[in-house]
Amino acid sequence: MSTDFEDNQDEHNQSKEKEIDWLEYATTEEDQALRPLEGKDYIALFIASLQTIFLPLIILIIVLIAFNFWLQIMAGQI
């Protein structure tokens, strides 16, 4: 059972699809040519690499030092 609203909605969707120019969204290899990076791009990549590689190591070192300090307190050495 179909209602007038559903028919109008289907017609609206079909007309909207006809309006979209899908060639805008198609990319070719020529459109994706490599561009040289700017200075700010290198800085962003450097910061991102520090966050993903060295930050977990620094956090691990801090946790191990804190754990060592806690163990020394528990053992009565400090």
N, C-alpha and C. Protein backbone atom coordinates (compact mmCIF):
# COMPACT_ATOMS: atom_id res chain seq x y z
N MET A 1 0.84 -1.17 0.00
CA MET A 1 0.00 0.00 0.00
C MET A 1 0.89 1.23 0.00
N SER A 2 0.72 2.05 -0.95
CA SER A 2 1.56 3.23 -1.05
C SER A 2 0.71 4.47 -0.87
N THR A 3 1.31 5.44 -0.22
CA THR A 3 0.60 6.69 0.02
C THR A 3 1.14 7.76 -0.89
N ASP A 4 0.43 8.85 -0.95
CA ASP A 4 0.89 9.97 -1.78
C ASP A 4 2.22 10.51 -1.28
N PHE A 5 2.41 10.49 0.05
CA PHE A 5 3.65 11.00 0.62
C PHE A 5 4.84 10.18 0.15
N GLU A 6 4.69 8.85 0.16
CA GLU A 6 5.78 7.98 -0.27
C GLU A 6 6.09 8.19 -1.75
N ASP A 7 5.06 8.36 -2.56
CA ASP A 7 5.28 8.61 -3.98
C ASP A 7 6.01 9.93 -4.19
N ASN A 8 5.60 10.95 -3.48
CA ASN A 8 6.26 12.25 -3.61
C ASN A 8 7.71 12.18 -3.14
N GLN A 9 7.95 11.42 -2.07
CA GLN A 9 9.31 11.28 -1.54
C GLN A 9 10.20 10.56 -2.56
N ASP A 10 9.69 9.51 -3.19
CA ASP A 10 10.47 8.78 -4.20
C ASP A 10 10.78 9.69 -5.39
N GLU A 11 9.82 10.45 -5.83
CA GLU A 11 10.04 11.37 -6.95
C GLU A 11 11.07 12.43 -6.58
N HIS A 12 10.99 12.91 -5.34
CA HIS A 12 11.95 13.92 -4.88
C HIS A 12 13.37 13.35 -4.86
N ASN A 13 13.52 12.11 -4.34
CA ASN A 13 14.84 11.48 -4.30
C ASN A 13 15.40 11.26 -5.70
N GLN A 14 14.56 10.85 -6.62
CA GLN A 14 15.02 10.62 -8.00
C GLN A 14 15.43 11.93 -8.65
N SER A 15 14.69 12.99 -8.43
CA SER A 15 15.05 14.28 -9.03
C SER A 15 16.33 14.82 -8.41
N LYS A 16 16.54 14.56 -7.12
CA LYS A 16 17.76 15.02 -6.45
C LYS A 16 18.97 14.28 -7.02
N GLU A 17 18.84 12.97 -7.29
CA GLU A 17 19.94 12.21 -7.85
C GLU A 17 20.31 12.71 -9.24
N LYS A 18 19.32 13.14 -9.99
CA LYS A 18 19.59 13.66 -11.33
C LYS A 18 20.34 14.98 -11.27
N GLU A 19 20.14 15.76 -10.20
CA GLU A 19 20.79 17.06 -10.05
C GLU A 19 22.26 16.93 -9.69
N ILE A 20 22.65 15.82 -9.07
CA ILE A 20 24.03 15.66 -8.60
C ILE A 20 24.93 15.36 -9.79
N ASP A 21 26.00 16.12 -9.88
CA ASP A 21 26.99 15.89 -10.92
C ASP A 21 28.09 14.99 -10.34
N TRP A 22 27.99 13.71 -10.63
CA TRP A 22 28.91 12.74 -10.03
C TRP A 22 30.32 12.86 -10.57
N LEU A 23 30.51 13.56 -11.68
CA LEU A 23 31.86 13.74 -12.21
C LEU A 23 32.71 14.59 -11.27
N GLU A 24 32.06 15.40 -10.44
CA GLU A 24 32.80 16.20 -9.46
C GLU A 24 33.53 15.32 -8.47
N TYR A 25 32.91 14.19 -8.16
CA TYR A 25 33.46 13.32 -7.13
C TYR A 25 34.44 12.29 -7.68
N ALA A 26 34.48 12.12 -8.97
CA ALA A 26 35.40 11.16 -9.57
C ALA A 26 36.80 11.76 -9.56
N THR A 27 37.76 10.94 -9.22
CA THR A 27 39.14 11.41 -9.21
C THR A 27 39.95 10.56 -10.17
N THR A 28 40.94 11.17 -10.71
CA THR A 28 41.85 10.46 -11.59
C THR A 28 43.25 10.57 -11.00
N GLU A 29 44.16 9.83 -11.55
CA GLU A 29 45.53 9.89 -11.07
C GLU A 29 46.14 11.26 -11.31
N GLU A 30 45.70 11.94 -12.35
CA GLU A 30 46.23 13.27 -12.63
C GLU A 30 45.80 14.26 -11.55
N ASP A 31 44.60 14.07 -11.01
CA ASP A 31 44.12 14.97 -9.97
C ASP A 31 44.86 14.76 -8.66
N GLN A 32 45.44 13.59 -8.48
CA GLN A 32 46.09 13.27 -7.22
C GLN A 32 47.61 13.37 -7.33
N ALA A 33 48.10 14.27 -8.14
CA ALA A 33 49.55 14.44 -8.30
C ALA A 33 50.15 14.88 -6.97
N LEU A 34 51.37 14.43 -6.71
CA LEU A 34 52.03 14.77 -5.47
C LEU A 34 52.47 16.22 -5.48
N ARG A 35 52.21 16.89 -4.37
CA ARG A 35 52.64 18.27 -4.21
C ARG A 35 53.75 18.29 -3.18
N PRO A 36 54.69 19.21 -3.30
CA PRO A 36 55.73 19.30 -2.27
C PRO A 36 55.12 19.78 -0.95
N LEU A 37 55.67 19.26 0.15
CA LEU A 37 55.17 19.63 1.47
C LEU A 37 55.71 20.99 1.87
N GLU A 38 54.90 21.72 2.64
CA GLU A 38 55.34 23.00 3.17
C GLU A 38 56.00 22.77 4.52
N GLY A 39 56.60 23.82 5.06
CA GLY A 39 57.28 23.72 6.35
C GLY A 39 56.35 23.31 7.47
N LYS A 40 55.14 23.86 7.48
CA LYS A 40 54.20 23.52 8.55
C LYS A 40 53.78 22.05 8.47
N ASP A 41 53.80 21.48 7.26
CA ASP A 41 53.48 20.05 7.11
C ASP A 41 54.55 19.18 7.76
N TYR A 42 55.82 19.57 7.58
CA TYR A 42 56.90 18.82 8.20
C TYR A 42 56.84 18.92 9.72
N ILE A 43 56.49 20.10 10.23
CA ILE A 43 56.37 20.28 11.67
C ILE A 43 55.24 19.41 12.21
N ALA A 44 54.11 19.39 11.51
CA ALA A 44 52.97 18.58 11.95
C ALA A 44 53.32 17.10 11.94
N LEU A 45 54.03 16.65 10.90
CA LEU A 45 54.44 15.24 10.85
C LEU A 45 55.41 14.89 11.97
N PHE A 46 56.32 15.81 12.28
CA PHE A 46 57.28 15.59 13.36
C PHE A 46 56.57 15.47 14.70
N ILE A 47 55.64 16.37 14.97
CA ILE A 47 54.91 16.33 16.23
C ILE A 47 54.06 15.07 16.32
N ALA A 48 53.44 14.69 15.23
CA ALA A 48 52.62 13.47 15.23
C ALA A 48 53.48 12.24 15.48
N SER A 49 54.68 12.21 14.92
CA SER A 49 55.56 11.06 15.14
C SER A 49 56.02 10.99 16.60
N LEU A 50 56.27 12.16 17.20
CA LEU A 50 56.64 12.17 18.62
C LEU A 50 55.50 11.66 19.49
N GLN A 51 54.30 12.05 19.17
CA GLN A 51 53.16 11.62 19.96
C GLN A 51 52.90 10.13 19.83
N THR A 52 53.11 9.59 18.67
CA THR A 52 52.78 8.17 18.49
C THR A 52 53.91 7.23 18.88
N ILE A 53 55.14 7.71 18.87
CA ILE A 53 56.27 6.83 19.15
C ILE A 53 56.84 7.08 20.54
N PHE A 54 57.19 8.32 20.83
CA PHE A 54 57.94 8.59 22.05
C PHE A 54 57.05 8.85 23.27
N LEU A 55 55.86 9.36 23.09
CA LEU A 55 55.01 9.65 24.24
C LEU A 55 54.69 8.39 25.04
N PRO A 56 54.31 7.28 24.42
CA PRO A 56 54.09 6.07 25.24
C PRO A 56 55.35 5.60 25.97
N LEU A 57 56.51 5.77 25.36
CA LEU A 57 57.76 5.38 26.04
C LEU A 57 58.02 6.27 27.25
N ILE A 58 57.79 7.56 27.10
CA ILE A 58 58.00 8.48 28.22
C ILE A 58 57.02 8.17 29.35
N ILE A 59 55.77 7.90 29.01
CA ILE A 59 54.79 7.54 30.04
C ILE A 59 55.19 6.25 30.74
N LEU A 60 55.68 5.27 30.00
CA LEU A 60 56.13 4.01 30.60
C LEU A 60 57.29 4.25 31.55
N ILE A 61 58.25 5.08 31.16
CA ILE A 61 59.39 5.37 32.02
C ILE A 61 58.94 6.04 33.31
N ILE A 62 58.01 7.00 33.20
CA ILE A 62 57.50 7.69 34.39
C ILE A 62 56.78 6.71 35.31
N VAL A 63 55.98 5.82 34.74
CA VAL A 63 55.26 4.83 35.56
C VAL A 63 56.26 3.89 36.25
N LEU A 64 57.30 3.46 35.55
CA LEU A 64 58.29 2.57 36.16
C LEU A 64 59.06 3.27 37.27
N ILE A 65 59.40 4.53 37.09
CA ILE A 65 60.10 5.28 38.14
C ILE A 65 59.19 5.45 39.36
N ALA A 66 57.91 5.76 39.12
CA ALA A 66 56.97 5.90 40.23
C ALA A 66 56.79 4.56 40.95
N PHE A 67 56.71 3.47 40.21
CA PHE A 67 56.57 2.15 40.81
C PHE A 67 57.81 1.80 41.63
N ASN A 68 59.00 2.12 41.13
CA ASN A 68 60.25 1.88 41.85
C ASN A 68 60.28 2.69 43.14
N PHE A 69 59.85 3.94 43.06
CA PHE A 69 59.81 4.81 44.24
C PHE A 69 58.84 4.24 45.28
N TRP A 70 57.69 3.77 44.84
CA TRP A 70 56.70 3.18 45.74
C TRP A 70 57.25 1.90 46.40
N LEU A 71 57.93 1.08 45.63
CA LEU A 71 58.52 -0.15 46.19
C LEU A 71 59.59 0.18 47.23
N GLN A 72 60.39 1.21 47.00
CA GLN A 72 61.41 1.60 47.98
C GLN A 72 60.78 2.11 49.26
N ILE A 73 59.68 2.82 49.14
CA ILE A 73 58.98 3.30 50.34
C ILE A 73 58.44 2.10 51.12
N MET A 74 57.85 1.14 50.42
CA MET A 74 57.28 -0.03 51.08
C MET A 74 58.38 -0.88 51.74
N ALA A 75 59.56 -0.92 51.16
CA ALA A 75 60.65 -1.71 51.70
C ALA A 75 61.32 -0.97 52.87
N GLY A 76 61.05 0.31 53.03
CA GLY A 76 61.61 1.07 54.14
C GLY A 76 62.99 1.63 53.87
N GLN A 77 63.38 1.73 52.63
CA GLN A 77 64.69 2.24 52.30
C GLN A 77 64.72 3.78 52.27
N ILE A 78 63.57 4.40 52.12
CA ILE A 78 63.56 5.88 52.05
C ILE A 78 62.96 6.42 53.33
